[in-house]
Amino acid sequence: MTKRLDQRVAVITGAAKGIGRAVALRLAEEGAFIVLVDVDAEGLASTAEEVRALGSRALPMEADATDEASVQHVIDEALARFGEIHILVNNVGGGKAGRIWELSVDDWDAVMRLNLRSMFLFTRAHDRSQKRPDHLHVLGRAQRHRLERLLSRRQRLFDRQGRRPRLHPRHGDRAGGL
């Protein structure tokens, strides 16, 4: 039986643990090849092992998602290894706990750098490297449930029509990163 994302390539930032890890495992179950990106080498190795145990290919990449050169290296490696990127999950993010009046400007800048700059850098690096940048699903951290809602909504629609859903961007699926 063909899986829904068979041989599609997904780049997932913040993939060493938490939501990023869960998304990587879910996409691997659906047949996607997974490019795992994080600064946590140990967590990356563990997630990559789990992805491979599901029968999928994994490319763990230790990289800083806020550094332009590191991001470009990840995209270049993914394209060299797999030829194309179909899904980009901009999951990396975080912040400092506390009330806004207790945060310094440096704290605020660090939050913006991690949450927004990383998303911008990955999306831009991908789009610059593709012949057809419109053929990409982009999911941001704020949209972590978007993929499951999209899949379930399309499944219901196609179940009513008696057809199997198709999950390639040329068929109209595209989510915004911001």
Protein backbone atom coordinates (compact mmCIF):
# COMPACT_ATOMS: atom_id res chain seq x y z
CA MET A 1 0.00 0.00 0.00
CA THR A 2 1.34 3.42 -0.95
CA LYS A 3 1.67 5.86 1.90
CA ARG A 4 0.31 9.40 1.56
CA LEU A 5 3.71 11.09 1.58
CA ASP A 6 5.69 8.31 -0.06
CA GLN A 7 9.16 9.59 -1.01
CA ARG A 8 8.28 13.23 -0.31
CA VAL A 9 11.03 15.14 1.47
CA ALA A 10 10.34 17.09 4.66
CA VAL A 11 12.73 19.50 6.40
CA ILE A 12 11.80 19.93 10.06
CA THR A 13 13.46 22.48 12.35
CA GLY A 14 13.52 21.89 16.09
CA ALA A 15 13.31 18.17 15.38
CA ALA A 16 15.34 16.80 18.31
CA LYS A 17 12.41 16.70 20.74
CA GLY A 18 8.86 17.79 21.45
CA ILE A 19 6.59 18.84 18.60
CA GLY A 20 9.37 18.68 15.99
CA ARG A 21 10.17 15.09 16.91
CA ALA A 22 6.48 14.14 16.88
CA VAL A 23 5.98 15.73 13.44
CA ALA A 24 9.07 13.94 12.10
CA LEU A 25 7.80 10.57 13.31
CA ARG A 26 4.30 11.19 11.95
CA LEU A 27 5.58 12.23 8.51
CA ALA A 28 7.96 9.25 8.48
CA GLU A 29 4.99 6.95 9.19
CA GLU A 30 3.38 8.42 6.07
CA GLY A 31 6.48 7.61 4.00
CA ALA A 32 8.29 10.96 3.89
CA PHE A 33 12.08 11.22 3.92
CA ILE A 34 13.02 13.43 6.86
CA VAL A 35 15.71 16.11 7.17
CA LEU A 36 16.03 16.75 10.91
CA VAL A 37 17.44 20.13 12.01
CA ASP A 38 18.37 21.13 15.56
CA VAL A 39 21.29 22.29 17.70
CA ASP A 40 20.88 19.24 19.97
CA ALA A 41 23.10 16.56 18.37
CA GLU A 42 22.13 13.86 20.86
CA GLY A 43 18.42 14.50 20.39
CA LEU A 44 18.87 14.53 16.61
CA ALA A 45 20.59 11.16 16.68
CA SER A 46 17.78 9.69 18.77
CA THR A 47 15.03 11.08 16.51
CA ALA A 48 16.90 9.94 13.37
CA GLU A 49 17.14 6.41 14.81
CA GLU A 50 13.37 6.41 15.46
CA VAL A 51 12.64 7.67 11.93
CA ARG A 52 14.79 4.92 10.44
CA ALA A 53 13.07 2.33 12.63
CA LEU A 54 9.83 3.35 10.91
CA GLY A 55 11.42 2.44 7.56
CA SER A 56 12.07 5.99 6.38
CA ARG A 57 15.28 7.79 5.49
CA ALA A 58 16.64 10.41 7.89
CA LEU A 59 19.27 13.10 7.45
CA PRO A 60 20.12 14.64 10.85
CA MET A 61 21.71 18.10 10.53
CA GLU A 62 23.10 19.90 13.55
CA ALA A 63 22.59 23.57 12.67
CA ASP A 64 21.66 26.95 14.12
CA ALA A 65 18.34 27.94 12.50
CA THR A 66 19.08 31.62 13.11
CA ASP A 67 22.38 31.60 11.19
CA GLU A 68 22.05 32.30 7.47
CA ALA A 69 25.07 30.21 6.40
CA SER A 70 23.95 27.23 8.51
CA VAL A 71 20.45 27.37 7.06
CA GLN A 72 21.75 27.52 3.50
CA HIS A 73 24.01 24.54 4.23
CA VAL A 74 21.02 22.51 5.45
CA ILE A 75 18.98 23.32 2.34
CA ASP A 76 21.95 22.60 0.04
CA GLU A 77 22.59 19.23 1.73
CA ALA A 78 18.93 18.25 1.62
CA LEU A 79 18.74 19.07 -2.09
CA ALA A 80 22.02 17.26 -2.81
CA ARG A 81 20.81 14.15 -0.97
CA PHE A 82 17.15 14.06 -2.03
CA GLY A 83 16.85 16.35 -5.07
CA GLU A 84 13.78 18.29 -3.92
CA ILE A 85 12.04 19.52 -0.78
CA HIS A 86 8.26 19.14 -0.59
CA ILE A 87 7.50 20.07 3.02
CA LEU A 88 9.13 22.65 5.28
CA VAL A 89 8.10 22.62 8.94
CA ASN A 90 9.37 25.76 10.66
CA ASN A 91 8.96 24.38 14.16
CA VAL A 92 11.97 25.81 16.00
CA GLY A 93 11.02 28.43 18.55
CA GLY A 94 11.00 29.39 22.16
CA GLY A 95 11.23 32.27 24.52
CA LYS A 96 12.05 33.44 27.98
CA ALA A 97 9.40 33.02 30.63
CA GLY A 98 8.30 36.09 32.50
CA ARG A 99 6.27 39.23 32.24
CA ILE A 100 7.00 41.52 29.33
CA TRP A 101 8.10 44.36 31.61
CA GLU A 102 10.69 42.01 33.11
CA LEU A 103 12.24 41.16 29.71
CA SER A 104 15.25 43.05 28.47
CA VAL A 105 15.49 44.23 24.88
CA ASP A 106 18.16 41.57 24.35
CA ASP A 107 15.72 38.90 25.59
CA TRP A 108 13.07 40.19 23.18
CA ASP A 109 15.53 40.23 20.29
CA ALA A 110 16.55 36.64 21.04
CA VAL A 111 12.90 35.52 20.99
CA MET A 112 12.28 37.29 17.67
CA ARG A 113 15.48 35.88 16.23
CA LEU A 114 14.60 32.31 17.14
CA ASN A 115 10.90 32.43 16.29
CA LEU A 116 10.78 34.69 13.21
CA ARG A 117 14.25 34.97 11.71
CA SER A 118 14.63 31.19 11.55
CA MET A 119 11.34 30.85 9.66
CA PHE A 120 12.31 33.61 7.25
CA LEU A 121 15.77 32.16 6.61
CA PHE A 122 14.57 28.61 5.92
CA THR A 123 11.71 29.67 3.66
CA ARG A 124 13.90 32.10 1.73
CA ALA A 125 16.78 29.65 1.35
CA HIS A 126 14.42 27.02 0.03
CA ASP A 127 12.65 29.37 -2.39
CA ARG A 128 15.91 30.71 -3.78
CA SER A 129 17.16 27.20 -4.49
CA GLN A 130 14.06 25.86 -6.23
CA LYS A 131 13.04 26.14 -9.85
CA ARG A 132 9.41 26.15 -8.72
CA PRO A 133 9.22 27.59 -5.17
CA ASP A 134 5.42 27.43 -5.22
CA HIS A 135 5.62 23.62 -4.90
CA LEU A 136 6.15 23.56 -1.15
CA HIS A 137 4.03 23.05 1.93
CA VAL A 138 5.22 25.53 4.59
CA LEU A 139 4.10 25.04 8.15
CA GLY A 140 5.07 27.38 10.97
CA ARG A 141 5.19 26.75 14.70
CA ALA A 142 1.88 28.54 15.22
CA GLN A 143 0.33 26.12 12.71
CA ARG A 144 1.47 22.85 14.26
CA HIS A 145 -2.05 21.41 14.03
CA ARG A 146 -2.54 22.69 10.46
CA LEU A 147 -1.12 19.55 8.86
CA GLU A 148 -3.46 17.19 10.70
CA ARG A 149 -6.48 19.45 10.06
CA LEU A 150 -5.54 19.69 6.39
CA LEU A 151 -5.14 15.94 6.07
CA SER A 152 -8.37 15.15 7.90
CA ARG A 153 -10.39 17.79 6.00
CA ARG A 154 -9.13 16.49 2.66
CA GLN A 155 -9.78 12.92 3.78
CA ARG A 156 -13.42 13.74 4.60
CA LEU A 157 -13.87 15.51 1.27
CA PHE A 158 -12.39 12.67 -0.72
CA ASP A 159 -14.24 10.04 1.32
CA ARG A 160 -17.50 11.69 0.26
CA GLN A 161 -16.30 11.67 -3.34
CA GLY A 162 -14.97 8.12 -3.10
CA ARG A 163 -11.38 9.08 -3.96
CA ARG A 164 -8.04 9.01 -2.16
CA PRO A 165 -6.59 12.42 -1.15
CA ARG A 166 -3.50 13.67 -2.99
CA LEU A 167 -1.02 15.67 -0.98
CA HIS A 168 1.20 17.41 -3.47
CA PRO A 169 1.21 21.23 -3.69
CA ARG A 170 0.31 21.17 -7.37
CA HIS A 171 -3.06 19.88 -6.21
CA GLY A 172 -3.70 23.03 -4.21
CA ASP A 173 -2.40 22.34 -0.69
CA ARG A 174 -0.28 25.20 0.64
CA ALA A 175 -0.13 26.59 4.14
CA GLY A 176 1.42 29.94 4.99
CA GLY A 177 4.42 30.05 7.28
CA LEU A 178 3.35 33.16 9.18
